[in-house]
Amino acid sequence: MKRHGTVDFDQLVAAEKSLRAVDKLWRSAGYSRAGARGWAHGEEFFSVTLTWRRAADNGMQLIATYTIKRLRRR
């Protein structure tokens, strides 16, 4: 069954080695984790968009996103 919604950011980054480097990059640039949303169909197939946020000096919010997909291959 396909599930949509909020994803545990910490759990996803811990489970996906490639995301650790992306998370480290954005956090070292002063961004904080803002959230993760997506869908999953079992454990093998998913699409998740991660979001980081940082306040700029002028009060605006800077947002960075990264999408990772793992889809079935035929």
C-alpha atoms as a PDB file:
ATOM      1  CA  MET A   1       0.000   0.000   0.000  1.00  0.00           C
ATOM      2  CA  LYS A   2       1.282   3.459  -0.882  1.00  0.00           C
ATOM      3  CA  ARG A   3       1.645   5.854   2.064  1.00  0.00           C
ATOM      4  CA  HIS A   4       1.862   9.651   1.784  1.00  0.00           C
ATOM      5  CA  GLY A   5       2.784  12.220   4.392  1.00  0.00           C
ATOM      6  CA  THR A   6       5.454  13.409   6.776  1.00  0.00           C
ATOM      7  CA  VAL A   7       8.648  11.387   7.069  1.00  0.00           C
ATOM      8  CA  ASP A   8      10.987  11.180  10.068  1.00  0.00           C
ATOM      9  CA  PHE A   9      13.897  13.329   8.857  1.00  0.00           C
ATOM     10  CA  ASP A  10      16.424  11.925  11.357  1.00  0.00           C
ATOM     11  CA  GLN A  11      15.518   8.314  10.597  1.00  0.00           C
ATOM     12  CA  LEU A  12      15.713   8.829   6.840  1.00  0.00           C
ATOM     13  CA  VAL A  13      19.112  10.561   6.971  1.00  0.00           C
ATOM     14  CA  ALA A  14      20.458   7.835   9.256  1.00  0.00           C
ATOM     15  CA  ALA A  15      19.228   5.092   6.885  1.00  0.00           C
ATOM     16  CA  GLU A  16      20.369   6.648   3.596  1.00  0.00           C
ATOM     17  CA  LYS A  17      24.146   7.061   3.364  1.00  0.00           C
ATOM     18  CA  SER A  18      23.887   9.479   0.412  1.00  0.00           C
ATOM     19  CA  LEU A  19      21.666  11.817   2.425  1.00  0.00           C
ATOM     20  CA  ARG A  20      24.173  12.149   5.257  1.00  0.00           C
ATOM     21  CA  ALA A  21      26.520  14.148   3.029  1.00  0.00           C
ATOM     22  CA  VAL A  22      23.695  16.358   1.720  1.00  0.00           C
ATOM     23  CA  ASP A  23      22.425  16.990   5.254  1.00  0.00           C
ATOM     24  CA  LYS A  24      25.944  17.765   6.489  1.00  0.00           C
ATOM     25  CA  LEU A  25      26.463  20.220   3.620  1.00  0.00           C
ATOM     26  CA  TRP A  26      23.299  22.249   4.310  1.00  0.00           C
ATOM     27  CA  ARG A  27      23.724  22.181   8.085  1.00  0.00           C
ATOM     28  CA  SER A  28      27.347  23.359   7.818  1.00  0.00           C
ATOM     29  CA  ALA A  29      26.038  26.308   5.770  1.00  0.00           C
ATOM     30  CA  GLY A  30      23.838  27.365   8.696  1.00  0.00           C
ATOM     31  CA  TYR A  31      20.578  25.726   7.627  1.00  0.00           C
ATOM     32  CA  SER A  32      18.423  23.713  10.019  1.00  0.00           C
ATOM     33  CA  ARG A  33      16.182  20.787   9.194  1.00  0.00           C
ATOM     34  CA  ALA A  34      12.688  22.000   8.351  1.00  0.00           C
ATOM     35  CA  GLY A  35      10.911  18.805   7.329  1.00  0.00           C
ATOM     36  CA  ALA A  36      10.499  15.861   5.020  1.00  0.00           C
ATOM     37  CA  ARG A  37       7.442  14.812   3.017  1.00  0.00           C
ATOM     38  CA  GLY A  38       6.837  12.132   0.464  1.00  0.00           C
ATOM     39  CA  TRP A  39       5.419   8.720  -0.225  1.00  0.00           C
ATOM     40  CA  ALA A  40       6.533   5.139   0.280  1.00  0.00           C
ATOM     41  CA  HIS A  41       5.374   1.801  -1.080  1.00  0.00           C
ATOM     42  CA  GLY A  42       6.949  -0.772   1.179  1.00  0.00           C
ATOM     43  CA  GLU A  43      10.577  -0.191   2.094  1.00  0.00           C
ATOM     44  CA  GLU A  44      12.073  -0.393  -1.384  1.00  0.00           C
ATOM     45  CA  PHE A  45      10.180   2.276  -3.326  1.00  0.00           C
ATOM     46  CA  PHE A  46       9.847   5.854  -2.171  1.00  0.00           C
ATOM     47  CA  SER A  47      10.131   9.521  -3.075  1.00  0.00           C
ATOM     48  CA  VAL A  48      10.962  12.031  -0.371  1.00  0.00           C
ATOM     49  CA  THR A  49      11.667  15.759  -0.476  1.00  0.00           C
ATOM     50  CA  LEU A  50      13.807  17.079   2.362  1.00  0.00           C
ATOM     51  CA  THR A  51      13.743  20.758   3.293  1.00  0.00           C
ATOM     52  CA  TRP A  52      16.243  22.908   5.177  1.00  0.00           C
ATOM     53  CA  ARG A  53      15.655  26.509   6.263  1.00  0.00           C
ATOM     54  CA  ARG A  54      17.813  29.466   7.311  1.00  0.00           C
ATOM     55  CA  ALA A  55      16.928  33.032   8.223  1.00  0.00           C
ATOM     56  CA  ALA A  56      18.747  35.647   6.135  1.00  0.00           C
ATOM     57  CA  ASP A  57      20.080  38.888   7.599  1.00  0.00           C
ATOM     58  CA  ASN A  58      17.160  40.843   6.094  1.00  0.00           C
ATOM     59  CA  GLY A  59      14.596  38.594   7.810  1.00  0.00           C
ATOM     60  CA  MET A  60      13.725  36.507   4.750  1.00  0.00           C
ATOM     61  CA  GLN A  61      13.713  32.718   4.939  1.00  0.00           C
ATOM     62  CA  LEU A  62      16.139  30.862   2.689  1.00  0.00           C
ATOM     63  CA  ILE A  63      14.930  27.390   1.792  1.00  0.00           C
ATOM     64  CA  ALA A  64      16.838  24.474   0.270  1.00  0.00           C
ATOM     65  CA  THR A  65      15.187  21.266  -0.928  1.00  0.00           C
ATOM     66  CA  TYR A  66      16.517  17.896  -2.060  1.00  0.00           C
ATOM     67  CA  THR A  67      14.435  15.079  -3.514  1.00  0.00           C
ATOM     68  CA  ILE A  68      15.514  11.464  -3.452  1.00  0.00           C
ATOM     69  CA  LYS A  69      13.641   8.717  -5.277  1.00  0.00           C
ATOM     70  CA  ARG A  70      14.058   4.994  -5.229  1.00  0.00           C
ATOM     71  CA  LEU A  71      11.749   3.450  -7.781  1.00  0.00           C
ATOM     72  CA  ARG A  72      11.266  -0.064  -9.101  1.00  0.00           C
ATOM     73  CA  ARG A  73      13.427  -0.934 -12.083  1.00  0.00           C
ATOM     74  CA  ARG A  74      12.128  -3.236 -14.797  1.00  0.00           C
END
